[in-house]
Amino acid sequence: MDKFEELHKGWAKVPESKQIQMDEAKKKECICPKCPTYTNCAKNAKELLFCMKGKSFMCVDKAVECICPSCPVTGEYGLKHKFFCMKGAEKAQRYENALWGTKIV
């Protein structure tokens, strides 16, 4: 079990109020707004932490450049994927990889 899997497994045991506090703290570390792929629509919708929350609902539709690997959240949580804003959260991409055998890109 890698770092992400360990953290994800323990997340269910954390009380919801604490999860919200932790989520807000991670939003302060999030570098999504600095990414060339991030849009004004995403900013106005206050979309952040795509790596944990999932892909953009309707705001990010064109890959420009990905800075996910340089994000402190990526390192802290042991994330392996990127372009979370377009491809989905780490958990979703890992599931898809396990299901379809896609490569990490």
N, C-alpha and C. Protein backbone atom coordinates (compact mmCIF):
# COMPACT_ATOMS: atom_id res chain seq x y z
N MET A 1 0.84 -1.17 0.00
CA MET A 1 0.00 0.00 0.00
C MET A 1 0.90 1.24 0.00
N ASP A 2 0.64 2.16 -0.95
CA ASP A 2 1.47 3.36 -1.01
C ASP A 2 0.88 4.48 -0.14
N LYS A 3 1.55 5.61 -0.15
CA LYS A 3 1.19 6.74 0.71
C LYS A 3 -0.26 7.20 0.48
N PHE A 4 -0.65 7.35 -0.79
CA PHE A 4 -2.01 7.79 -1.10
C PHE A 4 -3.04 6.80 -0.56
N GLU A 5 -2.81 5.53 -0.77
CA GLU A 5 -3.76 4.51 -0.32
C GLU A 5 -3.89 4.51 1.20
N GLU A 6 -2.78 4.67 1.90
CA GLU A 6 -2.81 4.73 3.36
C GLU A 6 -3.61 5.94 3.85
N LEU A 7 -3.34 7.09 3.26
CA LEU A 7 -4.06 8.31 3.65
C LEU A 7 -5.54 8.21 3.33
N HIS A 8 -5.85 7.67 2.16
CA HIS A 8 -7.26 7.54 1.75
C HIS A 8 -8.02 6.58 2.67
N LYS A 9 -7.37 5.51 3.04
CA LYS A 9 -8.00 4.53 3.93
C LYS A 9 -8.30 5.15 5.30
N GLY A 10 -7.38 5.97 5.80
CA GLY A 10 -7.56 6.61 7.10
C GLY A 10 -8.55 7.76 7.07
N TRP A 11 -8.79 8.32 5.88
CA TRP A 11 -9.68 9.48 5.74
C TRP A 11 -11.10 9.17 6.24
N ALA A 12 -11.58 7.98 6.02
CA ALA A 12 -12.94 7.61 6.43
C ALA A 12 -13.10 7.63 7.95
N LYS A 13 -12.01 7.51 8.67
CA LYS A 13 -12.07 7.50 10.13
C LYS A 13 -12.04 8.90 10.73
N VAL A 14 -11.76 9.91 9.89
CA VAL A 14 -11.67 11.29 10.36
C VAL A 14 -13.08 11.89 10.42
N PRO A 15 -13.45 12.52 11.55
CA PRO A 15 -14.79 13.13 11.65
C PRO A 15 -14.99 14.18 10.55
N GLU A 16 -16.22 14.33 10.11
CA GLU A 16 -16.53 15.24 9.00
C GLU A 16 -16.07 16.67 9.28
N SER A 17 -16.24 17.14 10.50
CA SER A 17 -15.82 18.52 10.82
C SER A 17 -14.31 18.69 10.63
N LYS A 18 -13.56 17.67 10.99
CA LYS A 18 -12.11 17.70 10.81
C LYS A 18 -11.74 17.61 9.33
N GLN A 19 -12.50 16.83 8.57
CA GLN A 19 -12.27 16.72 7.14
C GLN A 19 -12.43 18.08 6.46
N ILE A 20 -13.44 18.82 6.87
CA ILE A 20 -13.69 20.15 6.30
C ILE A 20 -12.53 21.08 6.63
N GLN A 21 -12.04 21.04 7.87
CA GLN A 21 -10.89 21.87 8.26
C GLN A 21 -9.65 21.52 7.45
N MET A 22 -9.41 20.24 7.28
CA MET A 22 -8.25 19.79 6.52
C MET A 22 -8.38 20.19 5.06
N ASP A 23 -9.57 20.11 4.53
CA ASP A 23 -9.84 20.49 3.15
C ASP A 23 -9.54 21.98 2.94
N GLU A 24 -9.97 22.80 3.86
CA GLU A 24 -9.72 24.25 3.76
C GLU A 24 -8.22 24.55 3.84
N ALA A 25 -7.51 23.83 4.67
CA ALA A 25 -6.06 24.01 4.78
C ALA A 25 -5.38 23.63 3.46
N LYS A 26 -5.80 22.56 2.84
CA LYS A 26 -5.21 22.11 1.58
C LYS A 26 -5.51 23.11 0.46
N LYS A 27 -6.67 23.74 0.50
CA LYS A 27 -7.01 24.74 -0.52
C LYS A 27 -6.01 25.89 -0.51
N LYS A 28 -5.46 26.20 0.65
CA LYS A 28 -4.48 27.28 0.75
C LYS A 28 -3.15 26.90 0.11
N GLU A 29 -2.87 25.60 0.03
CA GLU A 29 -1.64 25.11 -0.59
C GLU A 29 -1.81 24.84 -2.08
N CYS A 30 -3.04 24.76 -2.52
CA CYS A 30 -3.36 24.41 -3.90
C CYS A 30 -2.80 25.43 -4.89
N ILE A 31 -2.14 24.94 -5.94
CA ILE A 31 -1.56 25.82 -6.94
C ILE A 31 -2.35 25.80 -8.25
N CYS A 32 -3.52 25.20 -8.26
CA CYS A 32 -4.34 25.14 -9.48
C CYS A 32 -4.52 26.51 -10.14
N PRO A 33 -4.79 27.59 -9.37
CA PRO A 33 -4.99 28.89 -10.02
C PRO A 33 -3.75 29.40 -10.77
N LYS A 34 -2.59 28.86 -10.50
CA LYS A 34 -1.37 29.29 -11.18
C LYS A 34 -1.12 28.49 -12.47
N CYS A 35 -1.92 27.48 -12.71
CA CYS A 35 -1.73 26.59 -13.86
C CYS A 35 -2.23 27.24 -15.14
N PRO A 36 -1.49 27.08 -16.25
CA PRO A 36 -1.94 27.62 -17.53
C PRO A 36 -3.27 27.01 -18.02
N THR A 37 -3.61 25.83 -17.55
CA THR A 37 -4.86 25.19 -17.96
C THR A 37 -6.07 25.73 -17.18
N TYR A 38 -5.82 26.30 -16.00
CA TYR A 38 -6.89 26.86 -15.15
C TYR A 38 -7.54 28.04 -15.88
N THR A 39 -8.85 28.13 -15.83
CA THR A 39 -9.58 29.16 -16.55
C THR A 39 -10.25 30.16 -15.61
N ASN A 40 -10.67 31.28 -16.17
CA ASN A 40 -11.44 32.25 -15.39
C ASN A 40 -12.75 31.64 -14.90
N CYS A 41 -13.33 30.78 -15.70
CA CYS A 41 -14.56 30.08 -15.30
C CYS A 41 -14.30 29.27 -14.02
N ALA A 42 -13.20 28.55 -13.99
CA ALA A 42 -12.85 27.75 -12.81
C ALA A 42 -12.62 28.65 -11.61
N LYS A 43 -11.98 29.77 -11.85
CA LYS A 43 -11.74 30.74 -10.77
C LYS A 43 -13.06 31.26 -10.22
N ASN A 44 -13.96 31.66 -11.11
CA ASN A 44 -15.27 32.18 -10.69
C ASN A 44 -16.10 31.13 -9.97
N ALA A 45 -15.93 29.87 -10.35
CA ALA A 45 -16.65 28.76 -9.72
C ALA A 45 -15.95 28.28 -8.45
N LYS A 46 -14.79 28.88 -8.16
CA LYS A 46 -13.98 28.53 -6.98
C LYS A 46 -13.60 27.06 -6.98
N GLU A 47 -13.24 26.56 -8.17
CA GLU A 47 -12.82 25.17 -8.29
C GLU A 47 -11.35 25.06 -7.91
N LEU A 48 -11.06 24.19 -6.95
CA LEU A 48 -9.72 23.93 -6.46
C LEU A 48 -9.58 22.46 -6.12
N LEU A 49 -8.38 22.04 -5.86
CA LEU A 49 -8.08 20.67 -5.41
C LEU A 49 -8.69 19.61 -6.33
N PHE A 50 -8.48 19.79 -7.61
CA PHE A 50 -8.99 18.79 -8.56
C PHE A 50 -8.44 17.41 -8.25
N CYS A 51 -7.22 17.36 -7.70
CA CYS A 51 -6.58 16.08 -7.38
C CYS A 51 -7.38 15.28 -6.35
N MET A 52 -8.13 15.98 -5.52
CA MET A 52 -8.93 15.32 -4.49
C MET A 52 -10.44 15.36 -4.81
N LYS A 53 -10.88 16.45 -5.41
CA LYS A 53 -12.32 16.67 -5.64
C LYS A 53 -12.81 16.13 -6.97
N GLY A 54 -11.91 16.02 -7.93
CA GLY A 54 -12.30 15.54 -9.25
C GLY A 54 -12.20 16.63 -10.30
N LYS A 55 -12.47 16.25 -11.52
CA LYS A 55 -12.28 17.16 -12.63
C LYS A 55 -13.26 18.32 -12.60
N SER A 56 -12.92 19.34 -13.36
CA SER A 56 -13.75 20.53 -13.45
C SER A 56 -15.13 20.15 -13.97
N PHE A 57 -16.14 20.76 -13.42
CA PHE A 57 -17.51 20.44 -13.83
C PHE A 57 -17.75 20.86 -15.28
N MET A 58 -17.44 22.10 -15.62
CA MET A 58 -17.65 22.56 -16.99
C MET A 58 -16.64 23.62 -17.42
N CYS A 59 -15.69 23.96 -16.58
CA CYS A 59 -14.83 25.11 -16.83
C CYS A 59 -13.52 24.82 -17.53
N VAL A 60 -12.97 23.66 -17.37
CA VAL A 60 -11.67 23.35 -17.97
C VAL A 60 -11.92 22.33 -19.08
N ASP A 61 -11.67 22.76 -20.31
CA ASP A 61 -11.95 21.87 -21.43
C ASP A 61 -10.80 21.75 -22.42
N LYS A 62 -9.67 22.39 -22.10
CA LYS A 62 -8.52 22.34 -23.00
C LYS A 62 -7.23 22.24 -22.19
N ALA A 63 -6.47 21.21 -22.44
CA ALA A 63 -5.19 21.03 -21.75
C ALA A 63 -4.15 21.97 -22.36
N VAL A 64 -3.58 22.82 -21.53
CA VAL A 64 -2.54 23.73 -21.99
C VAL A 64 -1.19 23.24 -21.48
N GLU A 65 -1.07 23.14 -20.18
CA GLU A 65 0.14 22.66 -19.52
C GLU A 65 -0.27 22.20 -18.13
N CYS A 66 0.42 21.21 -17.59
CA CYS A 66 0.08 20.69 -16.27
C CYS A 66 1.21 20.96 -15.28
N ILE A 67 0.85 21.59 -14.17
CA ILE A 67 1.84 21.84 -13.12
C ILE A 67 1.56 20.99 -11.87
N CYS A 68 0.64 20.05 -11.99
CA CYS A 68 0.29 19.19 -10.85
C CYS A 68 1.51 18.55 -10.17
N PRO A 69 2.47 18.03 -10.93
CA PRO A 69 3.61 17.39 -10.27
C PRO A 69 4.41 18.30 -9.34
N SER A 70 4.33 19.62 -9.54
CA SER A 70 5.06 20.55 -8.68
C SER A 70 4.25 21.03 -7.49
N CYS A 71 3.02 20.60 -7.36
CA CYS A 71 2.14 21.03 -6.27
C CYS A 71 2.54 20.35 -4.95
N PRO A 72 2.57 21.10 -3.85
CA PRO A 72 2.91 20.48 -2.56
C PRO A 72 1.91 19.41 -2.13
N VAL A 73 0.66 19.53 -2.55
CA VAL A 73 -0.35 18.53 -2.21
C VAL A 73 -0.01 17.20 -2.90
N THR A 74 0.44 17.28 -4.14
CA THR A 74 0.83 16.08 -4.89
C THR A 74 1.92 15.30 -4.15
N GLY A 75 2.94 16.00 -3.69
CA GLY A 75 4.02 15.34 -2.96
C GLY A 75 3.59 14.81 -1.62
N GLU A 76 2.83 15.60 -0.91
CA GLU A 76 2.39 15.21 0.43
C GLU A 76 1.51 13.96 0.41
N TYR A 77 0.66 13.85 -0.59
CA TYR A 77 -0.26 12.72 -0.67
C TYR A 77 0.23 11.59 -1.57
N GLY A 78 1.40 11.73 -2.16
CA GLY A 78 1.95 10.67 -2.99
C GLY A 78 1.15 10.41 -4.26
N LEU A 79 0.69 11.48 -4.90
CA LEU A 79 -0.11 11.35 -6.10
C LEU A 79 0.76 11.00 -7.29
N LYS A 80 0.25 10.16 -8.18
CA LYS A 80 1.03 9.68 -9.32
C LYS A 80 0.54 10.23 -10.65
N HIS A 81 -0.66 10.73 -10.70
CA HIS A 81 -1.26 11.17 -11.95
C HIS A 81 -1.16 12.68 -12.10
N LYS A 82 -1.72 13.20 -13.19
CA LYS A 82 -1.75 14.64 -13.41
C LYS A 82 -2.95 14.99 -14.28
N PHE A 83 -3.07 16.26 -14.62
CA PHE A 83 -4.23 16.79 -15.34
C PHE A 83 -5.53 16.40 -14.63
N PHE A 84 -5.53 16.55 -13.31
CA PHE A 84 -6.71 16.21 -12.50
C PHE A 84 -7.92 17.02 -12.91
N CYS A 85 -7.70 18.26 -13.35
CA CYS A 85 -8.81 19.14 -13.74
C CYS A 85 -9.58 18.59 -14.93
N MET A 86 -8.92 17.78 -15.75
CA MET A 86 -9.57 17.23 -16.94
C MET A 86 -9.81 15.72 -16.86
N LYS A 87 -8.97 15.02 -16.10
CA LYS A 87 -9.06 13.56 -16.06
C LYS A 87 -9.67 13.00 -14.79
N GLY A 88 -9.83 13.85 -13.77
CA GLY A 88 -10.42 13.39 -12.52
C GLY A 88 -9.41 13.26 -11.40
N ALA A 89 -9.93 13.04 -10.21
CA ALA A 89 -9.13 12.93 -9.00
C ALA A 89 -8.19 11.73 -9.07
N GLU A 90 -7.20 11.73 -8.22
CA GLU A 90 -6.23 10.62 -8.15
C GLU A 90 -6.96 9.29 -7.99
N LYS A 91 -7.93 9.25 -7.11
CA LYS A 91 -8.66 8.00 -6.87
C LYS A 91 -9.35 7.52 -8.14
N ALA A 92 -9.98 8.43 -8.86
CA ALA A 92 -10.67 8.07 -10.10
C ALA A 92 -9.70 7.59 -11.17
N GLN A 93 -8.57 8.27 -11.29
CA GLN A 93 -7.60 7.86 -12.30
C GLN A 93 -6.98 6.51 -11.95
N ARG A 94 -6.76 6.26 -10.68
CA ARG A 94 -6.23 4.95 -10.28
C ARG A 94 -7.25 3.85 -10.56
N TYR A 95 -8.51 4.13 -10.31
CA TYR A 95 -9.56 3.15 -10.58
C TYR A 95 -9.61 2.84 -12.08
N GLU A 96 -9.61 3.90 -12.88
CA GLU A 96 -9.65 3.71 -14.32
C GLU A 96 -8.43 2.92 -14.80
N ASN A 97 -7.27 3.23 -14.26
CA ASN A 97 -6.06 2.50 -14.62
C ASN A 97 -6.18 1.02 -14.26
N ALA A 98 -6.72 0.74 -13.09
CA ALA A 98 -6.88 -0.65 -12.67
C ALA A 98 -7.90 -1.38 -13.54
N LEU A 99 -8.94 -0.67 -13.92
CA LEU A 99 -10.01 -1.27 -14.72
C LEU A 99 -9.62 -1.49 -16.16
N TRP A 100 -9.00 -0.49 -16.77
CA TRP A 100 -8.71 -0.52 -18.19
C TRP A 100 -7.24 -0.73 -18.52
N GLY A 101 -6.37 -0.63 -17.51
CA GLY A 101 -4.95 -0.83 -17.76
C GLY A 101 -4.29 0.33 -18.47
N THR A 102 -4.86 1.52 -18.30
CA THR A 102 -4.26 2.68 -18.96
C THR A 102 -2.94 3.03 -18.28
N LYS A 103 -2.12 3.77 -18.98
CA LYS A 103 -0.83 4.17 -18.46
C LYS A 103 -0.94 5.49 -17.72
N ILE A 104 -0.06 5.69 -16.75
CA ILE A 104 0.03 6.96 -16.05
C ILE A 104 0.72 7.94 -16.99
N VAL A 105 0.04 9.05 -17.28
CA VAL A 105 0.62 10.07 -18.18
C VAL A 105 0.56 11.43 -17.55
